[in-house]
Amino acid sequence: MLANAKALLTVKDDVFIIDWWLSPELMLIRPADEKTFRLDNILGRIVDAGVRIHVMLYKEMPFALALNSLYTKTKLISKITSFRFRFIASRVDVNNAYGTTLKLPSDIAAENKPSAGTETIEAVQMVTTKMAEQAGEAPIK
């Protein structure tokens, strides 16, 4: 963990954290009596220095697995108040390079216009036709 703390404290541009069970209170340097070397405090310090932090966490199904990713999300967002912090739940909104609003997957799905699956059917037909042509058979229409 010491190497991770040193790497985080020397970063200049971006930090990407991808994890399925992240604890914001993780002590990166032990033993330590103070909370200076906790993950959330180190991330807060480097955000204040102008580093962009991108976090992707696994959003568990609470009835099957209790990782408490919502707690991690709220804890990190409360500690790191800079606009440069982005929390990525399960989809990435690439319209804005530094997104300032958090969206749930259900919100993103509601924004997208339903297509009734027509693109999927057309794509399957094109792939099937291409495979038939490569096999030397006449496509069925």
N, C-alpha and C. Protein backbone atom coordinates (compact mmCIF):
# COMPACT_ATOMS: atom_id res chain seq x y z
N MET A 1 0.81 -1.19 0.00
CA MET A 1 0.00 0.00 0.00
C MET A 1 0.86 1.26 0.00
N LEU A 2 2.06 1.16 0.53
CA LEU A 2 2.95 2.31 0.55
C LEU A 2 3.25 2.77 -0.88
N ALA A 3 3.48 1.83 -1.78
CA ALA A 3 3.75 2.18 -3.18
C ALA A 3 2.55 2.87 -3.81
N ASN A 4 1.34 2.42 -3.48
CA ASN A 4 0.14 3.07 -4.01
C ASN A 4 0.03 4.50 -3.51
N ALA A 5 0.29 4.71 -2.25
CA ALA A 5 0.22 6.06 -1.68
C ALA A 5 1.25 6.97 -2.34
N LYS A 6 2.48 6.48 -2.52
CA LYS A 6 3.51 7.29 -3.17
C LYS A 6 3.13 7.61 -4.60
N ALA A 7 2.57 6.64 -5.31
CA ALA A 7 2.15 6.88 -6.70
C ALA A 7 1.05 7.92 -6.76
N LEU A 8 0.07 7.83 -5.86
CA LEU A 8 -1.02 8.81 -5.85
C LEU A 8 -0.50 10.21 -5.52
N LEU A 9 0.43 10.31 -4.60
CA LEU A 9 0.92 11.62 -4.18
C LEU A 9 1.84 12.27 -5.21
N THR A 10 2.34 11.51 -6.18
CA THR A 10 3.22 12.08 -7.20
C THR A 10 2.55 12.26 -8.55
N VAL A 11 1.29 11.89 -8.68
CA VAL A 11 0.60 11.99 -9.97
C VAL A 11 0.39 13.46 -10.34
N LYS A 12 0.41 13.74 -11.65
CA LYS A 12 0.29 15.12 -12.13
C LYS A 12 -1.01 15.38 -12.88
N ASP A 13 -1.55 14.40 -13.60
CA ASP A 13 -2.69 14.65 -14.49
C ASP A 13 -3.98 13.96 -14.05
N ASP A 14 -4.05 12.66 -14.25
CA ASP A 14 -5.29 11.91 -14.03
C ASP A 14 -5.02 10.69 -13.16
N VAL A 15 -6.04 10.32 -12.39
CA VAL A 15 -6.03 9.08 -11.62
C VAL A 15 -7.27 8.30 -12.02
N PHE A 16 -7.09 7.06 -12.41
CA PHE A 16 -8.20 6.18 -12.76
C PHE A 16 -8.24 5.05 -11.73
N ILE A 17 -9.37 4.93 -11.05
CA ILE A 17 -9.55 3.86 -10.07
C ILE A 17 -10.72 3.02 -10.52
N ILE A 18 -10.46 1.76 -10.75
CA ILE A 18 -11.51 0.81 -11.13
C ILE A 18 -11.49 -0.29 -10.09
N ASP A 19 -12.61 -0.49 -9.42
CA ASP A 19 -12.63 -1.45 -8.33
C ASP A 19 -14.04 -2.00 -8.17
N TRP A 20 -14.13 -3.14 -7.56
CA TRP A 20 -15.45 -3.72 -7.31
C TRP A 20 -15.82 -3.62 -5.83
N TRP A 21 -14.84 -3.35 -4.98
CA TRP A 21 -15.12 -3.20 -3.55
C TRP A 21 -14.09 -2.24 -2.98
N LEU A 22 -14.39 -0.97 -3.02
CA LEU A 22 -13.46 0.07 -2.61
C LEU A 22 -13.89 0.65 -1.27
N SER A 23 -12.96 0.71 -0.35
CA SER A 23 -13.24 1.31 0.95
C SER A 23 -12.55 2.67 1.01
N PRO A 24 -13.32 3.77 1.13
CA PRO A 24 -12.70 5.09 1.17
C PRO A 24 -11.82 5.30 2.40
N GLU A 25 -12.08 4.57 3.48
CA GLU A 25 -11.31 4.73 4.71
C GLU A 25 -10.06 3.85 4.75
N LEU A 26 -9.69 3.26 3.65
CA LEU A 26 -8.53 2.38 3.59
C LEU A 26 -7.25 3.16 3.94
N MET A 27 -6.52 2.66 4.92
CA MET A 27 -5.25 3.28 5.31
C MET A 27 -4.16 2.80 4.35
N LEU A 28 -3.60 3.70 3.56
CA LEU A 28 -2.59 3.32 2.59
C LEU A 28 -1.20 3.20 3.20
N ILE A 29 -0.94 3.95 4.25
CA ILE A 29 0.35 3.85 4.94
C ILE A 29 0.06 3.50 6.39
N ARG A 30 0.60 2.36 6.82
CA ARG A 30 0.38 1.87 8.18
C ARG A 30 1.72 1.63 8.85
N PRO A 31 1.81 1.73 10.13
CA PRO A 31 0.82 2.23 11.08
C PRO A 31 0.78 3.75 11.01
N ALA A 32 -0.38 4.30 11.23
CA ALA A 32 -0.55 5.75 11.25
C ALA A 32 -1.62 6.09 12.28
N ASP A 33 -1.30 7.03 13.14
CA ASP A 33 -2.25 7.44 14.17
C ASP A 33 -3.26 8.44 13.64
N GLU A 34 -2.87 9.17 12.62
CA GLU A 34 -3.76 10.18 12.08
C GLU A 34 -4.41 9.68 10.79
N LYS A 35 -5.35 10.44 10.29
CA LYS A 35 -6.10 10.02 9.11
C LYS A 35 -5.52 10.60 7.81
N THR A 36 -4.30 11.10 7.86
CA THR A 36 -3.69 11.74 6.70
C THR A 36 -3.52 10.77 5.54
N PHE A 37 -3.21 9.54 5.82
CA PHE A 37 -2.90 8.59 4.76
C PHE A 37 -4.05 7.67 4.41
N ARG A 38 -5.27 8.08 4.76
CA ARG A 38 -6.46 7.35 4.30
C ARG A 38 -6.68 7.66 2.83
N LEU A 39 -7.24 6.72 2.10
CA LEU A 39 -7.45 6.88 0.66
C LEU A 39 -8.26 8.13 0.35
N ASP A 40 -9.38 8.35 1.04
CA ASP A 40 -10.21 9.51 0.73
C ASP A 40 -9.48 10.83 0.99
N ASN A 41 -8.65 10.88 2.03
CA ASN A 41 -7.90 12.10 2.32
C ASN A 41 -6.80 12.35 1.30
N ILE A 42 -6.14 11.29 0.86
CA ILE A 42 -5.11 11.45 -0.18
C ILE A 42 -5.75 11.90 -1.48
N LEU A 43 -6.89 11.30 -1.84
CA LEU A 43 -7.58 11.72 -3.07
C LEU A 43 -8.01 13.18 -2.98
N GLY A 44 -8.51 13.59 -1.83
CA GLY A 44 -8.89 14.99 -1.64
C GLY A 44 -7.71 15.93 -1.80
N ARG A 45 -6.56 15.52 -1.29
CA ARG A 45 -5.35 16.35 -1.39
C ARG A 45 -4.89 16.49 -2.84
N ILE A 46 -4.93 15.40 -3.60
CA ILE A 46 -4.45 15.50 -4.98
C ILE A 46 -5.46 16.21 -5.88
N VAL A 47 -6.75 16.13 -5.56
CA VAL A 47 -7.74 16.90 -6.32
C VAL A 47 -7.50 18.39 -6.10
N ASP A 48 -7.19 18.78 -4.88
CA ASP A 48 -6.89 20.18 -4.58
C ASP A 48 -5.65 20.66 -5.34
N ALA A 49 -4.77 19.72 -5.71
CA ALA A 49 -3.58 20.06 -6.48
C ALA A 49 -3.86 20.11 -7.98
N GLY A 50 -5.11 19.85 -8.39
CA GLY A 50 -5.48 19.96 -9.80
C GLY A 50 -5.51 18.66 -10.57
N VAL A 51 -5.43 17.55 -9.89
CA VAL A 51 -5.46 16.24 -10.55
C VAL A 51 -6.92 15.80 -10.74
N ARG A 52 -7.22 15.27 -11.91
CA ARG A 52 -8.57 14.75 -12.19
C ARG A 52 -8.63 13.30 -11.72
N ILE A 53 -9.72 12.96 -11.05
CA ILE A 53 -9.90 11.60 -10.53
C ILE A 53 -11.13 10.99 -11.18
N HIS A 54 -10.97 9.79 -11.71
CA HIS A 54 -12.07 9.06 -12.34
C HIS A 54 -12.22 7.75 -11.58
N VAL A 55 -13.40 7.49 -11.05
CA VAL A 55 -13.64 6.29 -10.26
C VAL A 55 -14.75 5.48 -10.91
N MET A 56 -14.48 4.21 -11.13
CA MET A 56 -15.49 3.29 -11.65
C MET A 56 -15.64 2.17 -10.64
N LEU A 57 -16.85 2.04 -10.10
CA LEU A 57 -17.14 1.00 -9.11
C LEU A 57 -18.19 0.05 -9.64
N TYR A 58 -18.11 -1.16 -9.21
CA TYR A 58 -19.13 -2.15 -9.52
C TYR A 58 -20.37 -1.83 -8.71
N LYS A 59 -21.50 -1.67 -9.39
CA LYS A 59 -22.76 -1.43 -8.69
C LYS A 59 -23.43 -2.78 -8.49
N GLU A 60 -23.39 -3.23 -7.25
CA GLU A 60 -23.86 -4.58 -6.94
C GLU A 60 -25.38 -4.65 -6.89
N MET A 61 -25.88 -5.86 -6.98
CA MET A 61 -27.29 -6.13 -6.72
C MET A 61 -27.39 -6.38 -5.22
N PRO A 62 -28.04 -5.49 -4.46
CA PRO A 62 -27.99 -5.58 -3.00
C PRO A 62 -28.57 -6.87 -2.43
N PHE A 63 -29.48 -7.50 -3.13
CA PHE A 63 -30.04 -8.74 -2.59
C PHE A 63 -29.07 -9.90 -2.73
N ALA A 64 -28.08 -9.78 -3.60
CA ALA A 64 -27.14 -10.88 -3.81
C ALA A 64 -25.76 -10.62 -3.21
N LEU A 65 -25.37 -9.36 -3.14
CA LEU A 65 -24.02 -9.02 -2.71
C LEU A 65 -24.06 -7.67 -2.01
N ALA A 66 -23.47 -7.58 -0.85
CA ALA A 66 -23.52 -6.33 -0.07
C ALA A 66 -22.15 -5.66 -0.05
N LEU A 67 -21.79 -4.99 -1.13
CA LEU A 67 -20.52 -4.28 -1.19
C LEU A 67 -20.67 -2.82 -0.76
N ASN A 68 -21.90 -2.34 -0.73
CA ASN A 68 -22.21 -0.98 -0.30
C ASN A 68 -21.50 0.07 -1.15
N SER A 69 -21.62 -0.06 -2.48
CA SER A 69 -20.99 0.91 -3.38
C SER A 69 -21.61 2.29 -3.25
N LEU A 70 -22.88 2.37 -2.85
CA LEU A 70 -23.51 3.68 -2.65
C LEU A 70 -22.82 4.44 -1.52
N TYR A 71 -22.45 3.74 -0.45
CA TYR A 71 -21.73 4.38 0.65
C TYR A 71 -20.39 4.93 0.16
N THR A 72 -19.67 4.12 -0.63
CA THR A 72 -18.38 4.56 -1.16
C THR A 72 -18.56 5.79 -2.02
N LYS A 73 -19.58 5.77 -2.87
CA LYS A 73 -19.85 6.91 -3.75
C LYS A 73 -20.12 8.17 -2.94
N THR A 74 -21.03 8.10 -1.98
CA THR A 74 -21.39 9.29 -1.20
C THR A 74 -20.22 9.76 -0.34
N LYS A 75 -19.45 8.84 0.19
CA LYS A 75 -18.30 9.22 1.02
C LYS A 75 -17.25 9.95 0.20
N LEU A 76 -16.93 9.42 -0.98
CA LEU A 76 -15.92 10.06 -1.82
C LEU A 76 -16.41 11.42 -2.33
N ILE A 77 -17.67 11.50 -2.72
CA ILE A 77 -18.20 12.77 -3.23
C ILE A 77 -18.26 13.81 -2.12
N SER A 78 -18.56 13.39 -0.89
CA SER A 78 -18.61 14.36 0.21
C SER A 78 -17.22 14.87 0.58
N LYS A 79 -16.20 14.03 0.43
CA LYS A 79 -14.84 14.44 0.78
C LYS A 79 -14.18 15.24 -0.34
N ILE A 80 -14.51 14.87 -1.57
CA ILE A 80 -13.85 15.49 -2.72
C ILE A 80 -14.89 16.35 -3.42
N THR A 81 -14.93 17.62 -3.08
CA THR A 81 -15.98 18.50 -3.58
C THR A 81 -15.59 19.21 -4.87
N SER A 82 -14.41 18.97 -5.38
CA SER A 82 -13.97 19.64 -6.59
C SER A 82 -14.77 19.14 -7.79
N PHE A 83 -14.96 20.01 -8.77
CA PHE A 83 -15.70 19.63 -9.97
C PHE A 83 -14.91 18.67 -10.83
N ARG A 84 -13.64 18.48 -10.54
CA ARG A 84 -12.81 17.59 -11.35
C ARG A 84 -13.03 16.12 -11.01
N PHE A 85 -13.76 15.85 -9.97
CA PHE A 85 -14.02 14.47 -9.57
C PHE A 85 -15.22 13.94 -10.34
N ARG A 86 -15.09 12.76 -10.94
CA ARG A 86 -16.20 12.13 -11.64
C ARG A 86 -16.42 10.75 -11.06
N PHE A 87 -17.67 10.42 -10.82
CA PHE A 87 -18.01 9.08 -10.36
C PHE A 87 -18.73 8.39 -11.51
N ILE A 88 -18.24 7.23 -11.89
CA ILE A 88 -18.82 6.51 -13.01
C ILE A 88 -19.52 5.29 -12.43
N ALA A 89 -20.84 5.25 -12.59
CA ALA A 89 -21.59 4.13 -12.02
C ALA A 89 -21.50 2.93 -12.95
N SER A 90 -22.19 2.96 -14.05
CA SER A 90 -22.10 1.84 -14.97
C SER A 90 -22.05 2.28 -16.41
N ARG A 91 -22.31 3.56 -16.66
CA ARG A 91 -22.20 4.10 -18.01
C ARG A 91 -21.40 5.38 -17.95
N VAL A 92 -20.73 5.68 -19.05
CA VAL A 92 -19.94 6.89 -19.11
C VAL A 92 -20.60 7.85 -20.09
N ASP A 93 -20.88 9.07 -19.65
CA ASP A 93 -21.42 10.09 -20.52
C ASP A 93 -20.24 10.84 -21.13
N VAL A 94 -19.97 10.62 -22.42
CA VAL A 94 -18.81 11.22 -23.06
C VAL A 94 -19.13 12.53 -23.75
N ASN A 95 -20.33 13.07 -23.57
CA ASN A 95 -20.67 14.33 -24.20
C ASN A 95 -19.89 15.49 -23.59
N ASN A 96 -19.60 15.43 -22.32
CA ASN A 96 -18.90 16.49 -21.63
C ASN A 96 -17.61 15.91 -21.06
N ALA A 97 -16.48 16.53 -21.40
CA ALA A 97 -15.19 15.99 -20.96
C ALA A 97 -15.07 15.93 -19.44
N TYR A 98 -15.65 16.91 -18.76
CA TYR A 98 -15.61 16.91 -17.30
C TYR A 98 -17.04 17.03 -16.79
N GLY A 99 -17.75 15.92 -16.81
CA GLY A 99 -19.14 15.92 -16.39
C GLY A 99 -19.29 16.40 -14.96
N THR A 100 -20.28 17.27 -14.74
CA THR A 100 -20.47 17.80 -13.40
C THR A 100 -21.74 17.27 -12.76
N THR A 101 -22.51 16.47 -13.50
CA THR A 101 -23.72 15.90 -12.92
C THR A 101 -23.61 14.38 -12.92
N LEU A 102 -24.14 13.77 -11.91
CA LEU A 102 -24.14 12.32 -11.81
C LEU A 102 -25.45 11.80 -12.36
N LYS A 103 -25.38 10.74 -13.14
CA LYS A 103 -26.58 10.14 -13.72
C LYS A 103 -26.63 8.67 -13.36
N LEU A 104 -27.80 8.24 -12.98
CA LEU A 104 -28.02 6.82 -12.75
C LEU A 104 -28.30 6.15 -14.09
N PRO A 105 -28.04 4.85 -14.21
CA PRO A 105 -28.34 4.16 -15.45
C PRO A 105 -29.81 4.30 -15.85
N SER A 106 -30.72 4.34 -14.88
CA SER A 106 -32.14 4.49 -15.21
C SER A 106 -32.43 5.86 -15.81
N ASP A 107 -31.71 6.91 -15.35
CA ASP A 107 -31.88 8.24 -15.93
C ASP A 107 -31.38 8.29 -17.36
N ILE A 108 -30.25 7.64 -17.61
CA ILE A 108 -29.69 7.63 -18.96
C ILE A 108 -30.61 6.86 -19.90
N ALA A 109 -31.16 5.74 -19.42
CA ALA A 109 -32.08 4.95 -20.24
C ALA A 109 -33.34 5.73 -20.56
N ALA A 110 -33.83 6.53 -19.60
CA ALA A 110 -35.03 7.33 -19.83
C ALA A 110 -34.78 8.43 -20.86
N GLU A 111 -33.55 8.94 -20.93
CA GLU A 111 -33.21 9.99 -21.89
C GLU A 111 -33.11 9.45 -23.31
N ASN A 112 -32.68 8.21 -23.43
CA ASN A 112 -32.53 7.61 -24.75
C ASN A 112 -33.89 7.23 -25.31
N LYS A 113 -34.08 7.52 -26.57
CA LYS A 113 -35.36 7.22 -27.22
C LYS A 113 -35.42 5.72 -27.52
N PRO A 114 -36.50 5.06 -27.10
CA PRO A 114 -36.61 3.62 -27.39
C PRO A 114 -36.74 3.38 -28.89
N SER A 115 -36.09 2.33 -29.37
CA SER A 115 -36.08 2.06 -30.81
C SER A 115 -36.86 0.80 -31.17
N ALA A 116 -37.47 0.16 -30.22
CA ALA A 116 -38.25 -1.06 -30.44
C ALA A 116 -37.41 -2.17 -31.04
N GLY A 117 -36.09 -2.09 -30.92
CA GLY A 117 -35.22 -3.17 -31.37
C GLY A 117 -34.99 -3.25 -32.86
N THR A 118 -35.38 -2.23 -33.65
CA THR A 118 -35.23 -2.33 -35.10
C THR A 118 -33.77 -2.35 -35.51
N GLU A 119 -32.91 -1.61 -34.81
CA GLU A 119 -31.49 -1.63 -35.17
C GLU A 119 -30.91 -3.02 -34.97
N THR A 120 -31.32 -3.70 -33.93
CA THR A 120 -30.81 -5.04 -33.66
C THR A 120 -31.21 -6.01 -34.76
N ILE A 121 -32.45 -5.95 -35.19
CA ILE A 121 -32.93 -6.84 -36.25
C ILE A 121 -32.18 -6.58 -37.54
N GLU A 122 -32.00 -5.30 -37.90
CA GLU A 122 -31.28 -4.97 -39.13
C GLU A 122 -29.83 -5.42 -39.04
N ALA A 123 -29.21 -5.26 -37.89
CA ALA A 123 -27.82 -5.67 -37.72
C ALA A 123 -27.68 -7.19 -37.87
N VAL A 124 -28.61 -7.94 -37.30
CA VAL A 124 -28.58 -9.40 -37.41
C VAL A 124 -28.75 -9.82 -38.86
N GLN A 125 -29.65 -9.17 -39.58
CA GLN A 125 -29.86 -9.50 -40.99
C GLN A 125 -28.60 -9.23 -41.80
N MET A 126 -27.92 -8.11 -41.53
CA MET A 126 -26.70 -7.80 -42.27
C MET A 126 -25.60 -8.80 -41.97
N VAL A 127 -25.44 -9.17 -40.72
CA VAL A 127 -24.39 -10.13 -40.35
C VAL A 127 -24.69 -11.50 -40.95
N THR A 128 -25.95 -11.91 -40.89
CA THR A 128 -26.34 -13.21 -41.45
C THR A 128 -26.09 -13.24 -42.95
N THR A 129 -26.45 -12.18 -43.65
CA THR A 129 -26.22 -12.10 -45.10
C THR A 129 -24.74 -12.16 -45.41
N LYS A 130 -23.94 -11.43 -44.67
CA LYS A 130 -22.49 -11.42 -44.89
C LYS A 130 -21.89 -12.80 -44.65
N MET A 131 -22.33 -13.48 -43.61
CA MET A 131 -21.82 -14.83 -43.32
C MET A 131 -22.21 -15.80 -44.42
N ALA A 132 -23.43 -15.67 -44.93
CA ALA A 132 -23.88 -16.56 -46.01
C ALA A 132 -23.07 -16.32 -47.28
N GLU A 133 -22.78 -15.06 -47.58
CA GLU A 133 -21.98 -14.75 -48.77
C GLU A 133 -20.57 -15.29 -48.63
N GLN A 134 -19.99 -15.20 -47.44
CA GLN A 134 -18.64 -15.71 -47.22
C GLN A 134 -18.61 -17.23 -47.32
N ALA A 135 -19.71 -17.88 -47.00
CA ALA A 135 -19.78 -19.34 -47.09
C ALA A 135 -20.09 -19.80 -48.51
N GLY A 136 -20.35 -18.84 -49.41
CA GLY A 136 -20.63 -19.18 -50.80
C GLY A 136 -22.08 -19.52 -51.06
N GLU A 137 -22.96 -19.17 -50.18
CA GLU A 137 -24.37 -19.45 -50.36
C GLU A 137 -25.10 -18.17 -50.73
N ALA A 138 -26.19 -18.32 -51.43
CA ALA A 138 -27.02 -17.17 -51.78
C ALA A 138 -27.81 -16.77 -50.54
N PRO A 139 -27.84 -15.47 -50.23
CA PRO A 139 -28.59 -15.04 -49.05
C PRO A 139 -30.08 -15.24 -49.22
N ILE A 140 -30.75 -15.58 -48.14
CA ILE A 140 -32.20 -15.75 -48.14
C ILE A 140 -32.81 -14.39 -47.84
N LYS A 141 -33.78 -14.01 -48.65
CA LYS A 141 -34.43 -12.71 -48.44
C LYS A 141 -35.88 -12.85 -48.13
